[in-house]
Structures are given as C-alpha cells and as structure tokens.
Amino acid sequence: MKRYPTVQLYEEMAFIAYHFHWSYAELMEMEHAERRRWCEQISKINQKLDAQKPKQKSISNHY
C-alpha cells in the first residue's frame, strides 16, 4: 500500500479547517478521497464568490 504524502495531507487539512473550522480529529478520521472532495467543493465555492466580486478599476486606466 502506498503511503499518502504528509505534506499534501496537512495542506488539505489546513484548507478545510481554515474554511469550515473542523477539528483535527474530524479531519484525520476522513478518508483521503473524502478530504479531496471537500477541498474541491470549497474551491468551487471560492471560485463562485470570486466571480461575484466587483472588478476593481486599475489606476492606470484613469491616465
């Protein structure tokens, strides 16, 4: 069995914990595939929110 890279594990956990405030224990209980699905869903939410933000005008456009 191949071991899951520790760096990637903690990146996923930090990403989910930052957005959903789930505990270390909750995140460690999840299977890799479930954590990846949550990361993908959070990314989709962030992309939608970013698309809804009004675009800021550049200073260079005024000169």
Protein backbone atom coordinates (compact mmCIF):
# COMPACT_ATOMS: atom_id res chain seq x y z
CA MET A 1 0.00 0.00 0.00
CA LYS A 2 1.27 3.42 -0.91
CA ARG A 3 1.50 5.95 1.90
CA TYR A 4 -0.19 9.33 1.47
CA PRO A 5 2.32 12.24 1.41
CA THR A 6 2.31 14.04 4.76
CA VAL A 7 2.74 17.47 3.18
CA GLN A 8 -0.33 17.01 1.00
CA LEU A 9 -2.32 15.63 3.93
CA TYR A 10 -1.63 18.73 6.02
CA GLU A 11 -2.32 21.07 3.10
CA GLU A 12 -5.75 19.52 2.65
CA MET A 13 -6.44 19.58 6.37
CA ALA A 14 -5.39 23.22 6.70
CA PHE A 15 -7.51 24.21 3.70
CA ILE A 16 -10.65 22.55 5.09
CA ALA A 17 -10.03 23.69 8.66
CA TYR A 18 -9.50 27.30 7.52
CA HIS A 19 -12.79 27.40 5.62
CA PHE A 20 -15.03 25.15 7.73
CA HIS A 21 -13.28 25.25 11.14
CA TRP A 22 -13.41 21.48 11.53
CA SER A 23 -11.24 19.91 14.21
CA TYR A 24 -8.03 17.97 13.74
CA ALA A 25 -9.77 14.80 14.90
CA GLU A 26 -12.62 15.22 12.40
CA LEU A 27 -10.21 15.77 9.55
CA MET A 28 -7.96 12.84 10.49
CA GLU A 29 -10.96 10.49 10.58
CA MET A 30 -11.74 11.22 6.93
CA GLU A 31 -10.51 9.06 4.10
CA HIS A 32 -8.26 10.73 1.56
CA ALA A 33 -10.94 10.71 -1.14
CA GLU A 34 -13.44 12.43 1.17
CA ARG A 35 -10.94 15.17 2.09
CA ARG A 36 -10.19 15.71 -1.60
CA ARG A 37 -13.92 16.04 -2.35
CA TRP A 38 -14.29 18.67 0.38
CA CYS A 39 -11.27 20.57 -0.96
CA GLU A 40 -12.79 20.54 -4.44
CA GLN A 41 -16.14 21.77 -3.14
CA ILE A 42 -14.53 24.57 -1.13
CA SER A 43 -12.56 25.60 -4.23
CA LYS A 44 -15.79 25.74 -6.27
CA ILE A 45 -17.41 27.93 -3.60
CA ASN A 46 -14.41 30.26 -3.63
CA GLN A 47 -14.43 30.49 -7.43
CA LYS A 48 -18.12 31.42 -7.43
CA LEU A 49 -17.57 34.06 -4.76
CA ASP A 50 -14.57 35.49 -6.61
CA ALA A 51 -16.61 35.71 -9.82
CA GLN A 52 -19.30 37.69 -7.99
CA LYS A 53 -16.90 40.29 -6.62
CA PRO A 54 -16.97 43.62 -8.47
CA LYS A 55 -13.83 44.17 -10.50
CA GLN A 56 -11.61 46.92 -9.15
CA LYS A 57 -10.56 49.58 -11.61
CA SER A 58 -6.91 49.94 -12.28
CA ILE A 59 -5.30 53.31 -11.61
CA SER A 60 -3.58 53.11 -14.98
CA ASN A 61 -6.98 53.20 -16.73
CA HIS A 62 -7.53 56.76 -15.46
CA TYR A 63 -4.43 58.30 -17.07
